[in-house]
Amino acid sequence: MKKRNKIIYWVSTVLLSLMMVMSAGMYLFNTSEVAKVFVLLGYNTRIIIPLAILKLLGVTAILTNRSKVLKEWAYFGFFIDFLLALEGHLSVGDGEHGGAIIALVLLVVSYSYNRLIDKSTVES
């Protein structure tokens, strides 16, 4: 059971991390196209670069596991980011909400299994 939990955690966490790194890369290297989407969604385009940097820092916090507090904040930040993306895409009806849903599912699975692994480590 412990091994299965770790596999589920790592698969969901790596997929989530890849999504965030690819998203951050797009924000950093294709800013003008991302800005068009942000405008369509009603978001300020000045947050694109800081958001890209925060996504990379969040991935680092989750994967390195050096600070449980930073890891919790990274999960929380991603949760807010995905909810805002979902709400934005649904409100404009562009049909691009699938990525936000997938990211939310991966986030919930990663977070839940991280908690299970932490709990079983403490109990051992």
PDB file of N, CA and C in Angstrom:
ATOM      1  N   MET A   1       0.834  -1.207   0.000  1.00  0.00           N
ATOM      2  CA  MET A   1       0.000   0.000   0.000  1.00  0.00           C
ATOM      3  C   MET A   1       0.868   1.256   0.000  1.00  0.00           C
ATOM      4  N   LYS A   2       1.939   1.254   0.806  1.00  0.00           N
ATOM      5  CA  LYS A   2       2.832   2.399   0.881  1.00  0.00           C
ATOM      6  C   LYS A   2       3.470   2.696  -0.478  1.00  0.00           C
ATOM      7  N   LYS A   3       3.902   1.619  -1.164  1.00  0.00           N
ATOM      8  CA  LYS A   3       4.555   1.782  -2.455  1.00  0.00           C
ATOM      9  C   LYS A   3       3.571   2.341  -3.487  1.00  0.00           C
ATOM     10  N   ARG A   4       2.339   1.838  -3.472  1.00  0.00           N
ATOM     11  CA  ARG A   4       1.309   2.324  -4.398  1.00  0.00           C
ATOM     12  C   ARG A   4       1.053   3.815  -4.168  1.00  0.00           C
ATOM     13  N   ASN A   5       0.956   4.216  -2.912  1.00  0.00           N
ATOM     14  CA  ASN A   5       0.726   5.622  -2.576  1.00  0.00           C
ATOM     15  C   ASN A   5       1.857   6.507  -3.103  1.00  0.00           C
ATOM     16  N   LYS A   6       3.085   6.043  -2.967  1.00  0.00           N
ATOM     17  CA  LYS A   6       4.230   6.823  -3.450  1.00  0.00           C
ATOM     18  C   LYS A   6       4.224   6.924  -4.969  1.00  0.00           C
ATOM     19  N   ILE A   7       3.854   5.840  -5.637  1.00  0.00           N
ATOM     20  CA  ILE A   7       3.792   5.870  -7.102  1.00  0.00           C
ATOM     21  C   ILE A   7       2.722   6.864  -7.560  1.00  0.00           C
ATOM     22  N   ILE A   8       1.546   6.800  -6.949  1.00  0.00           N
ATOM     23  CA  ILE A   8       0.470   7.733  -7.306  1.00  0.00           C
ATOM     24  C   ILE A   8       0.910   9.169  -7.033  1.00  0.00           C
ATOM     25  N   TYR A   9       1.543   9.386  -5.881  1.00  0.00           N
ATOM     26  CA  TYR A   9       2.024  10.726  -5.553  1.00  0.00           C
ATOM     27  C   TYR A   9       2.996  11.226  -6.615  1.00  0.00           C
ATOM     28  N   TRP A  10       4.006  10.416  -6.935  1.00  0.00           N
ATOM     29  CA  TRP A  10       5.045  10.879  -7.847  1.00  0.00           C
ATOM     30  C   TRP A  10       4.532  11.056  -9.270  1.00  0.00           C
ATOM     31  N   VAL A  11       3.672  10.172  -9.742  1.00  0.00           N
ATOM     32  CA  VAL A  11       3.126  10.319 -11.094  1.00  0.00           C
ATOM     33  C   VAL A  11       2.317  11.618 -11.187  1.00  0.00           C
ATOM     34  N   SER A  12       1.418  11.837 -10.220  1.00  0.00           N
ATOM     35  CA  SER A  12       0.596  13.058 -10.258  1.00  0.00           C
ATOM     36  C   SER A  12       1.454  14.308 -10.069  1.00  0.00           C
ATOM     37  N   THR A  13       2.438  14.242  -9.209  1.00  0.00           N
ATOM     38  CA  THR A  13       3.287  15.400  -8.932  1.00  0.00           C
ATOM     39  C   THR A  13       4.175  15.740 -10.125  1.00  0.00           C
ATOM     40  N   VAL A  14       4.726  14.730 -10.770  1.00  0.00           N
ATOM     41  CA  VAL A  14       5.571  14.984 -11.940  1.00  0.00           C
ATOM     42  C   VAL A  14       4.727  15.544 -13.090  1.00  0.00           C
ATOM     43  N   LEU A  15       3.535  14.977 -13.313  1.00  0.00           N
ATOM     44  CA  LEU A  15       2.663  15.504 -14.376  1.00  0.00           C
ATOM     45  C   LEU A  15       2.249  16.944 -14.084  1.00  0.00           C
ATOM     46  N   LEU A  16       1.896  17.220 -12.835  1.00  0.00           N
ATOM     47  CA  LEU A  16       1.547  18.588 -12.429  1.00  0.00           C
ATOM     48  C   LEU A  16       2.738  19.524 -12.637  1.00  0.00           C
ATOM     49  N   SER A  17       3.909  19.082 -12.229  1.00  0.00           N
ATOM     50  CA  SER A  17       5.115  19.897 -12.368  1.00  0.00           C
ATOM     51  C   SER A  17       5.430  20.180 -13.830  1.00  0.00           C
ATOM     52  N   LEU A  18       5.283  19.159 -14.678  1.00  0.00           N
ATOM     53  CA  LEU A  18       5.517  19.366 -16.106  1.00  0.00           C
ATOM     54  C   LEU A  18       4.544  20.390 -16.683  1.00  0.00           C
ATOM     55  N   MET A  19       3.277  20.297 -16.273  1.00  0.00           N
ATOM     56  CA  MET A  19       2.299  21.288 -16.727  1.00  0.00           C
ATOM     57  C   MET A  19       2.715  22.694 -16.318  1.00  0.00           C
ATOM     58  N   MET A  20       3.175  22.847 -15.092  1.00  0.00           N
ATOM     59  CA  MET A  20       3.547  24.168 -14.597  1.00  0.00           C
ATOM     60  C   MET A  20       4.809  24.697 -15.266  1.00  0.00           C
ATOM     61  N   VAL A  21       5.783  23.825 -15.495  1.00  0.00           N
ATOM     62  CA  VAL A  21       7.018  24.259 -16.153  1.00  0.00           C
ATOM     63  C   VAL A  21       6.724  24.656 -17.605  1.00  0.00           C
ATOM     64  N   MET A  22       5.901  23.867 -18.290  1.00  0.00           N
ATOM     65  CA  MET A  22       5.541  24.217 -19.674  1.00  0.00           C
ATOM     66  C   MET A  22       4.744  25.525 -19.710  1.00  0.00           C
ATOM     67  N   SER A  23       3.851  25.697 -18.748  1.00  0.00           N
ATOM     68  CA  SER A  23       3.074  26.929 -18.676  1.00  0.00           C
ATOM     69  C   SER A  23       3.991  28.121 -18.424  1.00  0.00           C
ATOM     70  N   ALA A  24       4.907  27.976 -17.474  1.00  0.00           N
ATOM     71  CA  ALA A  24       5.837  29.063 -17.166  1.00  0.00           C
ATOM     72  C   ALA A  24       6.698  29.382 -18.382  1.00  0.00           C
ATOM     73  N   GLY A  25       7.144  28.351 -19.082  1.00  0.00           N
ATOM     74  CA  GLY A  25       7.942  28.571 -20.288  1.00  0.00           C
ATOM     75  C   GLY A  25       7.168  29.344 -21.335  1.00  0.00           C
ATOM     76  N   MET A  26       5.906  28.979 -21.513  1.00  0.00           N
ATOM     77  CA  MET A  26       5.063  29.690 -22.467  1.00  0.00           C
ATOM     78  C   MET A  26       4.899  31.154 -22.029  1.00  0.00           C
ATOM     79  N   TYR A  27       4.687  31.370 -20.737  1.00  0.00           N
ATOM     80  CA  TYR A  27       4.532  32.735 -20.227  1.00  0.00           C
ATOM     81  C   TYR A  27       5.801  33.560 -20.465  1.00  0.00           C
ATOM     82  N   LEU A  28       6.967  32.922 -20.307  1.00  0.00           N
ATOM     83  CA  LEU A  28       8.231  33.649 -20.443  1.00  0.00           C
ATOM     84  C   LEU A  28       8.657  33.841 -21.894  1.00  0.00           C
ATOM     85  N   PHE A  29       8.385  32.856 -22.748  1.00  0.00           N
ATOM     86  CA  PHE A  29       8.913  32.897 -24.109  1.00  0.00           C
ATOM     87  C   PHE A  29       7.878  33.198 -25.183  1.00  0.00           C
ATOM     88  N   ASN A  30       6.616  33.260 -24.806  1.00  0.00           N
ATOM     89  CA  ASN A  30       5.554  33.586 -25.755  1.00  0.00           C
ATOM     90  C   ASN A  30       4.583  34.571 -25.091  1.00  0.00           C
ATOM     91  N   THR A  31       5.157  35.556 -24.441  1.00  0.00           N
ATOM     92  CA  THR A  31       4.397  36.497 -23.626  1.00  0.00           C
ATOM     93  C   THR A  31       3.310  37.224 -24.407  1.00  0.00           C
ATOM     94  N   SER A  32       3.589  37.576 -25.640  1.00  0.00           N
ATOM     95  CA  SER A  32       2.592  38.343 -26.405  1.00  0.00           C
ATOM     96  C   SER A  32       1.331  37.514 -26.670  1.00  0.00           C
ATOM     97  N   GLU A  33       1.477  36.230 -26.955  1.00  0.00           N
ATOM     98  CA  GLU A  33       0.305  35.372 -27.168  1.00  0.00           C
ATOM     99  C   GLU A  33      -0.445  35.133 -25.858  1.00  0.00           C
ATOM    100  N   VAL A  34       0.306  34.935 -24.790  1.00  0.00           N
ATOM    101  CA  VAL A  34      -0.314  34.740 -23.474  1.00  0.00           C
ATOM    102  C   VAL A  34      -1.074  36.006 -23.078  1.00  0.00           C
ATOM    103  N   ALA A  35      -0.507  37.163 -23.390  1.00  0.00           N
ATOM    104  CA  ALA A  35      -1.160  38.437 -23.057  1.00  0.00           C
ATOM    105  C   ALA A  35      -2.517  38.552 -23.734  1.00  0.00           C
ATOM    106  N   LYS A  36      -2.633  38.068 -24.960  1.00  0.00           N
ATOM    107  CA  LYS A  36      -3.925  38.108 -25.661  1.00  0.00           C
ATOM    108  C   LYS A  36      -4.979  37.300 -24.904  1.00  0.00           C
ATOM    109  N   VAL A  37      -4.575  36.144 -24.396  1.00  0.00           N
ATOM    110  CA  VAL A  37      -5.508  35.294 -23.637  1.00  0.00           C
ATOM    111  C   VAL A  37      -5.859  35.972 -22.317  1.00  0.00           C
ATOM    112  N   PHE A  38      -4.860  36.553 -21.654  1.00  0.00           N
ATOM    113  CA  PHE A  38      -5.130  37.243 -20.394  1.00  0.00           C
ATOM    114  C   PHE A  38      -6.135  38.378 -20.593  1.00  0.00           C
ATOM    115  N   VAL A  39      -5.976  39.129 -21.669  1.00  0.00           N
ATOM    116  CA  VAL A  39      -6.906  40.224 -21.963  1.00  0.00           C
ATOM    117  C   VAL A  39      -8.308  39.659 -22.182  1.00  0.00           C
ATOM    118  N   LEU A  40      -8.405  38.585 -22.956  1.00  0.00           N
ATOM    119  CA  LEU A  40      -9.694  37.947 -23.215  1.00  0.00           C
ATOM    120  C   LEU A  40     -10.361  37.507 -21.907  1.00  0.00           C
ATOM    121  N   LEU A  41      -9.545  36.990 -20.976  1.00  0.00           N
ATOM    122  CA  LEU A  41     -10.074  36.514 -19.694  1.00  0.00           C
ATOM    123  C   LEU A  41     -10.309  37.645 -18.701  1.00  0.00           C
ATOM    124  N   GLY A  42      -9.849  38.839 -19.025  1.00  0.00           N
ATOM    125  CA  GLY A  42     -10.055  39.982 -18.142  1.00  0.00           C
ATOM    126  C   GLY A  42      -8.991  40.133 -17.066  1.00  0.00           C
ATOM    127  N   TYR A  43      -7.820  39.507 -17.282  1.00  0.00           N
ATOM    128  CA  TYR A  43      -6.743  39.600 -16.296  1.00  0.00           C
ATOM    129  C   TYR A  43      -5.700  40.614 -16.748  1.00  0.00           C
ATOM    130  N   ASN A  44      -5.046  41.231 -15.788  1.00  0.00           N
ATOM    131  CA  ASN A  44      -4.006  42.212 -16.053  1.00  0.00           C
ATOM    132  C   ASN A  44      -2.782  41.498 -16.622  1.00  0.00           C
ATOM    133  N   THR A  45      -2.253  41.988 -17.722  1.00  0.00           N
ATOM    134  CA  THR A  45      -1.111  41.329 -18.365  1.00  0.00           C
ATOM    135  C   THR A  45       0.206  41.547 -17.613  1.00  0.00           C
ATOM    136  N   ARG A  46       0.227  42.484 -16.688  1.00  0.00           N
ATOM    137  CA  ARG A  46       1.462  42.714 -15.919  1.00  0.00           C
ATOM    138  C   ARG A  46       1.806  41.566 -14.983  1.00  0.00           C
ATOM    139  N   ILE A  47       0.872  40.656 -14.755  1.00  0.00           N
ATOM    140  CA  ILE A  47       1.168  39.540 -13.841  1.00  0.00           C
ATOM    141  C   ILE A  47       1.753  38.328 -14.564  1.00  0.00           C
ATOM    142  N   ILE A  48       1.903  38.380 -15.874  1.00  0.00           N
ATOM    143  CA  ILE A  48       2.358  37.211 -16.627  1.00  0.00           C
ATOM    144  C   ILE A  48       3.752  36.758 -16.194  1.00  0.00           C
ATOM    145  N   ILE A  49       4.717  37.649 -16.221  1.00  0.00           N
ATOM    146  CA  ILE A  49       6.096  37.266 -15.867  1.00  0.00           C
ATOM    147  C   ILE A  49       6.204  36.885 -14.390  1.00  0.00           C
ATOM    148  N   PRO A  50       5.654  37.688 -13.453  1.00  0.00           N
ATOM    149  CA  PRO A  50       5.711  37.255 -12.052  1.00  0.00           C
ATOM    150  C   PRO A  50       5.021  35.904 -11.825  1.00  0.00           C
ATOM    151  N   LEU A  51       3.917  35.666 -12.518  1.00  0.00           N
ATOM    152  CA  LEU A  51       3.222  34.396 -12.372  1.00  0.00           C
ATOM    153  C   LEU A  51       4.083  33.243 -12.892  1.00  0.00           C
ATOM    154  N   ALA A  52       4.794  33.456 -13.985  1.00  0.00           N
ATOM    155  CA  ALA A  52       5.697  32.430 -14.511  1.00  0.00           C
ATOM    156  C   ALA A  52       6.783  32.096 -13.491  1.00  0.00           C
ATOM    157  N   ILE A  53       7.347  33.115 -12.896  1.00  0.00           N
ATOM    158  CA  ILE A  53       8.396  32.913 -11.889  1.00  0.00           C
ATOM    159  C   ILE A  53       7.836  32.177 -10.676  1.00  0.00           C
ATOM    160  N   LEU A  54       6.639  32.565 -10.235  1.00  0.00           N
ATOM    161  CA  LEU A  54       6.017  31.893  -9.090  1.00  0.00           C
ATOM    162  C   LEU A  54       5.690  30.431  -9.393  1.00  0.00           C
ATOM    163  N   LYS A  55       5.309  30.141 -10.634  1.00  0.00           N
ATOM    164  CA  LYS A  55       5.050  28.749 -11.005  1.00  0.00           C
ATOM    165  C   LYS A  55       6.329  27.923 -10.884  1.00  0.00           C
ATOM    166  N   LEU A  56       7.439  28.467 -11.358  1.00  0.00           N
ATOM    167  CA  LEU A  56       8.714  27.750 -11.258  1.00  0.00           C
ATOM    168  C   LEU A  56       9.149  27.579  -9.803  1.00  0.00           C
ATOM    169  N   LEU A  57       8.947  28.612  -9.001  1.00  0.00           N
ATOM    170  CA  LEU A  57       9.275  28.514  -7.573  1.00  0.00           C
ATOM    171  C   LEU A  57       8.367  27.500  -6.873  1.00  0.00           C
ATOM    172  N   GLY A  58       7.094  27.453  -7.254  1.00  0.00           N
ATOM    173  CA  GLY A  58       6.156  26.495  -6.680  1.00  0.00           C
ATOM    174  C   GLY A  58       6.551  25.064  -6.991  1.00  0.00           C
ATOM    175  N   VAL A  59       6.933  24.819  -8.239  1.00  0.00           N
ATOM    176  CA  VAL A  59       7.394  23.481  -8.622  1.00  0.00           C
ATOM    177  C   VAL A  59       8.628  23.104  -7.813  1.00  0.00           C
ATOM    178  N   THR A  60       9.540  24.048  -7.662  1.00  0.00           N
ATOM    179  CA  THR A  60      10.752  23.799  -6.878  1.00  0.00           C
ATOM    180  C   THR A  60      10.407  23.465  -5.432  1.00  0.00           C
ATOM    181  N   ALA A  61       9.482  24.218  -4.846  1.00  0.00           N
ATOM    182  CA  ALA A  61       9.087  23.972  -3.455  1.00  0.00           C
ATOM    183  C   ALA A  61       8.458  22.594  -3.290  1.00  0.00           C
ATOM    184  N   ILE A  62       7.644  22.185  -4.244  1.00  0.00           N
ATOM    185  CA  ILE A  62       6.973  20.893  -4.136  1.00  0.00           C
ATOM    186  C   ILE A  62       7.950  19.743  -4.357  1.00  0.00           C
ATOM    187  N   LEU A  63       8.779  19.845  -5.380  1.00  0.00           N
ATOM    188  CA  LEU A  63       9.678  18.737  -5.708  1.00  0.00           C
ATOM    189  C   LEU A  63      10.830  18.574  -4.725  1.00  0.00           C
ATOM    190  N   THR A  64      11.342  19.682  -4.188  1.00  0.00           N
ATOM    191  CA  THR A  64      12.482  19.563  -3.271  1.00  0.00           C
ATOM    192  C   THR A  64      12.054  19.178  -1.864  1.00  0.00           C
ATOM    193  N   ASN A  65      10.838  19.563  -1.483  1.00  0.00           N
ATOM    194  CA  ASN A  65      10.318  19.215  -0.157  1.00  0.00           C
ATOM    195  C   ASN A  65      11.240  19.674   0.973  1.00  0.00           C
ATOM    196  N   ARG A  66      11.915  20.789   0.788  1.00  0.00           N
ATOM    197  CA  ARG A  66      12.836  21.288   1.809  1.00  0.00           C
ATOM    198  C   ARG A  66      12.104  21.982   2.959  1.00  0.00           C
ATOM    199  N   SER A  67      10.959  22.553   2.644  1.00  0.00           N
ATOM    200  CA  SER A  67      10.171  23.245   3.661  1.00  0.00           C
ATOM    201  C   SER A  67       8.703  22.862   3.499  1.00  0.00           C
ATOM    202  N   LYS A  68       8.143  22.271   4.531  1.00  0.00           N
ATOM    203  CA  LYS A  68       6.732  21.877   4.469  1.00  0.00           C
ATOM    204  C   LYS A  68       5.824  23.097   4.328  1.00  0.00           C
ATOM    205  N   VAL A  69       6.200  24.206   4.953  1.00  0.00           N
ATOM    206  CA  VAL A  69       5.400  25.435   4.866  1.00  0.00           C
ATOM    207  C   VAL A  69       5.397  25.962   3.433  1.00  0.00           C
ATOM    208  N   LEU A  70       6.570  26.027   2.804  1.00  0.00           N
ATOM    209  CA  LEU A  70       6.628  26.503   1.420  1.00  0.00           C
ATOM    210  C   LEU A  70       5.878  25.560   0.483  1.00  0.00           C
ATOM    211  N   LYS A  71       5.960  24.265   0.762  1.00  0.00           N
ATOM    212  CA  LYS A  71       5.253  23.291  -0.066  1.00  0.00           C
ATOM    213  C   LYS A  71       3.745  23.498   0.039  1.00  0.00           C
ATOM    214  N   GLU A  72       3.252  23.730   1.248  1.00  0.00           N
ATOM    215  CA  GLU A  72       1.822  24.002   1.443  1.00  0.00           C
ATOM    216  C   GLU A  72       1.405  25.273   0.706  1.00  0.00           C
ATOM    217  N   TRP A  73       2.220  26.313   0.791  1.00  0.00           N
ATOM    218  CA  TRP A  73       1.913  27.563   0.100  1.00  0.00           C
ATOM    219  C   TRP A  73       1.928  27.368  -1.418  1.00  0.00           C
ATOM    220  N   ALA A  74       2.850  26.539  -1.903  1.00  0.00           N
ATOM    221  CA  ALA A  74       2.906  26.273  -3.345  1.00  0.00           C
ATOM    222  C   ALA A  74       1.628  25.568  -3.795  1.00  0.00           C
ATOM    223  N   TYR A  75       1.198  24.555  -3.044  1.00  0.00           N
ATOM    224  CA  TYR A  75      -0.049  23.873  -3.382  1.00  0.00           C
ATOM    225  C   TYR A  75      -1.223  24.862  -3.361  1.00  0.00           C
ATOM    226  N   PHE A  76      -1.246  25.710  -2.347  1.00  0.00           N
ATOM    227  CA  PHE A  76      -2.333  26.694  -2.237  1.00  0.00           C
ATOM    228  C   PHE A  76      -2.309  27.679  -3.409  1.00  0.00           C
ATOM    229  N   GLY A  77      -1.123  28.162  -3.743  1.00  0.00           N
ATOM    230  CA  GLY A  77      -0.991  29.091  -4.868  1.00  0.00           C
ATOM    231  C   GLY A  77      -1.439  28.468  -6.181  1.00  0.00           C
ATOM    232  N   PHE A  78      -1.049  27.220  -6.396  1.00  0.00           N
ATOM    233  CA  PHE A  78      -1.486  26.525  -7.611  1.00  0.00           C
ATOM    234  C   PHE A  78      -3.003  26.343  -7.613  1.00  0.00           C
ATOM    235  N   PHE A  79      -3.561  26.035  -6.451  1.00  0.00           N
ATOM    236  CA  PHE A  79      -5.013  25.855  -6.354  1.00  0.00           C
ATOM    237  C   PHE A  79      -5.744  27.136  -6.767  1.00  0.00           C
ATOM    238  N   ILE A  80      -5.291  28.263  -6.261  1.00  0.00           N
ATOM    239  CA  ILE A  80      -5.898  29.551  -6.611  1.00  0.00           C
ATOM    240  C   ILE A  80      -5.712  29.830  -8.103  1.00  0.00           C
ATOM    241  N   ASP A  81      -4.508  29.580  -8.613  1.00  0.00           N
ATOM    242  CA  ASP A  81      -4.225  29.797 -10.031  1.00  0.00           C
ATOM    243  C   ASP A  81      -5.161  28.975 -10.914  1.00  0.00           C
ATOM    244  N   PHE A  82      -5.340  27.703 -10.566  1.00  0.00           N
ATOM    245  CA  PHE A  82      -6.182  26.825 -11.386  1.00  0.00           C
ATOM    246  C   PHE A  82      -7.658  27.204 -11.286  1.00  0.00           C
ATOM    247  N   LEU A  83      -8.088  27.591 -10.088  1.00  0.00           N
ATOM    248  CA  LEU A  83      -9.480  28.038  -9.945  1.00  0.00           C
ATOM    249  C   LEU A  83      -9.754  29.295 -10.766  1.00  0.00           C
ATOM    250  N   LEU A  84      -8.831  30.235 -10.739  1.00  0.00           N
ATOM    251  CA  LEU A  84      -8.998  31.458 -11.522  1.00  0.00           C
ATOM    252  C   LEU A  84      -8.976  31.162 -13.018  1.00  0.00           C
ATOM    253  N   ALA A  85      -8.109  30.239 -13.437  1.00  0.00           N
ATOM    254  CA  ALA A  85      -8.069  29.854 -14.851  1.00  0.00           C
ATOM    255  C   ALA A  85      -9.380  29.193 -15.255  1.00  0.00           C
ATOM    256  N   LEU A  86      -9.870  28.294 -14.418  1.00  0.00           N
ATOM    257  CA  LEU A  86     -11.133  27.617 -14.704  1.00  0.00           C
ATOM    258  C   LEU A  86     -12.273  28.619 -14.799  1.00  0.00           C
ATOM    259  N   GLU A  87     -12.371  29.492 -13.811  1.00  0.00           N
ATOM    260  CA  GLU A  87     -13.442  30.503 -13.795  1.00  0.00           C
ATOM    261  C   GLU A  87     -13.334  31.425 -15.001  1.00  0.00           C
ATOM    262  N   GLY A  88     -12.121  31.846 -15.325  1.00  0.00           N
ATOM    263  CA  GLY A  88     -11.934  32.750 -16.454  1.00  0.00           C
ATOM    264  C   GLY A  88     -12.371  32.119 -17.772  1.00  0.00           C
ATOM    265  N   HIS A  89     -11.927  30.899 -18.004  1.00  0.00           N
ATOM    266  CA  HIS A  89     -12.281  30.233 -19.257  1.00  0.00           C
ATOM    267  C   HIS A  89     -13.775  29.926 -19.332  1.00  0.00           C
ATOM    268  N   LEU A  90     -14.352  29.517 -18.208  1.00  0.00           N
ATOM    269  CA  LEU A  90     -15.790  29.247 -18.216  1.00  0.00           C
ATOM    270  C   LEU A  90     -16.602  30.530 -18.434  1.00  0.00           C
ATOM    271  N   SER A  91     -16.140  31.634 -17.843  1.00  0.00           N
ATOM    272  CA  SER A  91     -16.906  32.878 -17.947  1.00  0.00           C
ATOM    273  C   SER A  91     -16.904  33.448 -19.366  1.00  0.00           C
ATOM    274  N   VAL A  92     -15.807  33.234 -20.115  1.00  0.00           N
ATOM    275  CA  VAL A  92     -15.790  33.733 -21.493  1.00  0.00           C
ATOM    276  C   VAL A  92     -16.264  32.679 -22.489  1.00  0.00           C
ATOM    277  N   GLY A  93     -16.412  31.452 -22.018  1.00  0.00           N
ATOM    278  CA  GLY A  93     -16.942  30.390 -22.871  1.00  0.00           C
ATOM    279  C   GLY A  93     -16.063  30.033 -24.048  1.00  0.00           C
ATOM    280  N   ASP A  94     -14.738  30.059 -23.841  1.00  0.00           N
ATOM    281  CA  ASP A  94     -13.835  29.762 -24.961  1.00  0.00           C
ATOM    282  C   ASP A  94     -13.534  28.268 -25.115  1.00  0.00           C
ATOM    283  N   GLY A  95     -14.062  27.446 -24.220  1.00  0.00           N
ATOM    284  CA  GLY A  95     -13.851  26.011 -24.313  1.00  0.00           C
ATOM    285  C   GLY A  95     -12.463  25.543 -23.925  1.00  0.00           C
ATOM    286  N   GLU A  96     -11.664  26.422 -23.350  1.00  0.00           N
ATOM    287  CA  GLU A  96     -10.282  26.099 -22.992  1.00  0.00           C
ATOM    288  C   GLU A  96     -10.113  25.772 -21.502  1.00  0.00           C
ATOM    289  N   HIS A  97     -11.167  25.332 -20.864  1.00  0.00           N
ATOM    290  CA  HIS A  97     -11.116  25.071 -19.421  1.00  0.00           C
ATOM    291  C   HIS A  97     -10.584  23.687 -19.074  1.00  0.00           C
ATOM    292  N   GLY A  98     -10.391  22.822 -20.048  1.00  0.00           N
ATOM    293  CA  GLY A  98      -9.940  21.455 -19.793  1.00  0.00           C
ATOM    294  C   GLY A  98      -8.607  21.375 -19.074  1.00  0.00           C
ATOM    295  N   GLY A  99      -7.664  22.217 -19.458  1.00  0.00           N
ATOM    296  CA  GLY A  99      -6.354  22.220 -18.809  1.00  0.00           C
ATOM    297  C   GLY A  99      -6.443  22.556 -17.333  1.00  0.00           C
ATOM    298  N   ALA A 100      -7.299  23.496 -16.999  1.00  0.00           N
ATOM    299  CA  ALA A 100      -7.470  23.877 -15.589  1.00  0.00           C
ATOM    300  C   ALA A 100      -8.077  22.734 -14.789  1.00  0.00           C
ATOM    301  N   ILE A 101      -9.021  22.017 -15.393  1.00  0.00           N
ATOM    302  CA  ILE A 101      -9.632  20.878 -14.701  1.00  0.00           C
ATOM    303  C   ILE A 101      -8.606  19.776 -14.476  1.00  0.00           C
ATOM    304  N   ILE A 102      -7.826  19.470 -15.512  1.00  0.00           N
ATOM    305  CA  ILE A 102      -6.782  18.442 -15.372  1.00  0.00           C
ATOM    306  C   ILE A 102      -5.785  18.856 -14.300  1.00  0.00           C
ATOM    307  N   ALA A 103      -5.375  20.114 -14.319  1.00  0.00           N
ATOM    308  CA  ALA A 103      -4.423  20.606 -13.317  1.00  0.00           C
ATOM    309  C   ALA A 103      -5.005  20.503 -11.911  1.00  0.00           C
ATOM    310  N   LEU A 104      -6.283  20.844 -11.749  1.00  0.00           N
ATOM    311  CA  LEU A 104      -6.919  20.727 -10.429  1.00  0.00           C
ATOM    312  C   LEU A 104      -6.947  19.285  -9.943  1.00  0.00           C
ATOM    313  N   VAL A 105      -7.271  18.361 -10.845  1.00  0.00           N
ATOM    314  CA  VAL A 105      -7.300  16.941 -10.468  1.00  0.00           C
ATOM    315  C   VAL A 105      -5.909  16.477 -10.061  1.00  0.00           C
ATOM    316  N   LEU A 106      -4.907  16.799 -10.866  1.00  0.00           N
ATOM    317  CA  LEU A 106      -3.533  16.410 -10.524  1.00  0.00           C
ATOM    318  C   LEU A 106      -3.099  17.025  -9.201  1.00  0.00           C
ATOM    319  N   LEU A 107      -3.471  18.267  -8.979  1.00  0.00           N
ATOM    320  CA  LEU A 107      -3.127  18.951  -7.733  1.00  0.00           C
ATOM    321  C   LEU A 107      -3.751  18.259  -6.527  1.00  0.00           C
ATOM    322  N   VAL A 108      -5.039  17.947  -6.618  1.00  0.00           N
ATOM    323  CA  VAL A 108      -5.730  17.302  -5.498  1.00  0.00           C
ATOM    324  C   VAL A 108      -5.128  15.922  -5.221  1.00  0.00           C
ATOM    325  N   VAL A 109      -4.833  15.177  -6.267  1.00  0.00           N
ATOM    326  CA  VAL A 109      -4.241  13.846  -6.086  1.00  0.00           C
ATOM    327  C   VAL A 109      -2.852  13.965  -5.469  1.00  0.00           C
ATOM    328  N   SER A 110      -2.027  14.857  -6.014  1.00  0.00           N
ATOM    329  CA  SER A 110      -0.677  15.053  -5.491  1.00  0.00           C
ATOM    330  C   SER A 110      -0.716  15.473  -4.024  1.00  0.00           C
ATOM    331  N   TYR A 111      -1.532  16.458  -3.721  1.00  0.00           N
ATOM    332  CA  TYR A 111      -1.632  16.963  -2.349  1.00  0.00           C
ATOM    333  C   TYR A 111      -2.139  15.880  -1.398  1.00  0.00           C
ATOM    334  N   SER A 112      -3.190  15.173  -1.803  1.00  0.00           N
ATOM    335  CA  SER A 112      -3.782  14.132  -0.941  1.00  0.00           C
ATOM    336  C   SER A 112      -2.797  13.012  -0.663  1.00  0.00           C
ATOM    337  N   TYR A 113      -2.105  12.566  -1.698  1.00  0.00           N
ATOM    338  CA  TYR A 113      -1.155  11.470  -1.503  1.00  0.00           C
ATOM    339  C   TYR A 113       0.100  11.940  -0.782  1.00  0.00           C
ATOM    340  N   ASN A 114       0.465  13.198  -0.932  1.00  0.00           N
ATOM    341  CA  ASN A 114       1.559  13.738  -0.136  1.00  0.00           C
ATOM    342  C   ASN A 114       1.205  13.674   1.345  1.00  0.00           C
ATOM    343  N   ARG A 115      -0.043  14.031   1.671  1.00  0.00           N
ATOM    344  CA  ARG A 115      -0.499  13.982   3.067  1.00  0.00           C
ATOM    345  C   ARG A 115      -0.513  12.532   3.577  1.00  0.00           C
ATOM    346  N   LEU A 116      -0.985  11.593   2.735  1.00  0.00           N
ATOM    347  CA  LEU A 116      -1.005  10.182   3.133  1.00  0.00           C
ATOM    348  C   LEU A 116       0.399   9.671   3.410  1.00  0.00           C
ATOM    349  N   ILE A 117       1.333  10.020   2.542  1.00  0.00           N
ATOM    350  CA  ILE A 117       2.715   9.562   2.720  1.00  0.00           C
ATOM    351  C   ILE A 117       3.317  10.169   3.981  1.00  0.00           C
ATOM    352  N   ASP A 118       3.087  11.473   4.192  1.00  0.00           N
ATOM    353  CA  ASP A 118       3.589  12.133   5.411  1.00  0.00           C
ATOM    354  C   ASP A 118       3.011  11.482   6.659  1.00  0.00           C
ATOM    355  N   LYS A 119       1.711  11.190   6.616  1.00  0.00           N
ATOM    356  CA  LYS A 119       1.036  10.585   7.769  1.00  0.00           C
ATOM    357  C   LYS A 119       1.594   9.188   8.045  1.00  0.00           C
ATOM    358  N   SER A 120       1.812   8.387   7.003  1.00  0.00           N
ATOM    359  CA  SER A 120       2.317   7.034   7.212  1.00  0.00           C
ATOM    360  C   SER A 120       3.771   7.060   7.671  1.00  0.00           C
ATOM    361  N   THR A 121       4.528   8.081   7.270  1.00  0.00           N
ATOM    362  CA  THR A 121       5.906   8.210   7.719  1.00  0.00           C
ATOM    363  C   THR A 121       5.966   8.526   9.200  1.00  0.00           C
ATOM    364  N   VAL A 122       5.057   9.388   9.668  1.00  0.00           N
ATOM    365  CA  VAL A 122       5.006   9.761  11.076  1.00  0.00           C
ATOM    366  C   VAL A 122       4.594   8.569  11.931  1.00  0.00           C
ATOM    367  N   GLU A 123       3.655   7.775  11.424  1.00  0.00           N
ATOM    368  CA  GLU A 123       3.139   6.629  12.179  1.00  0.00           C
ATOM    369  C   GLU A 123       4.128   5.478  12.224  1.00  0.00           C
ATOM    370  N   SER A 124       5.071   5.421  11.271  1.00  0.00           N
ATOM    371  CA  SER A 124       6.013   4.300  11.217  1.00  0.00           C
ATOM    372  C   SER A 124       7.059   4.369  12.297  1.00  0.00           C
TER     373      SER A 124
END
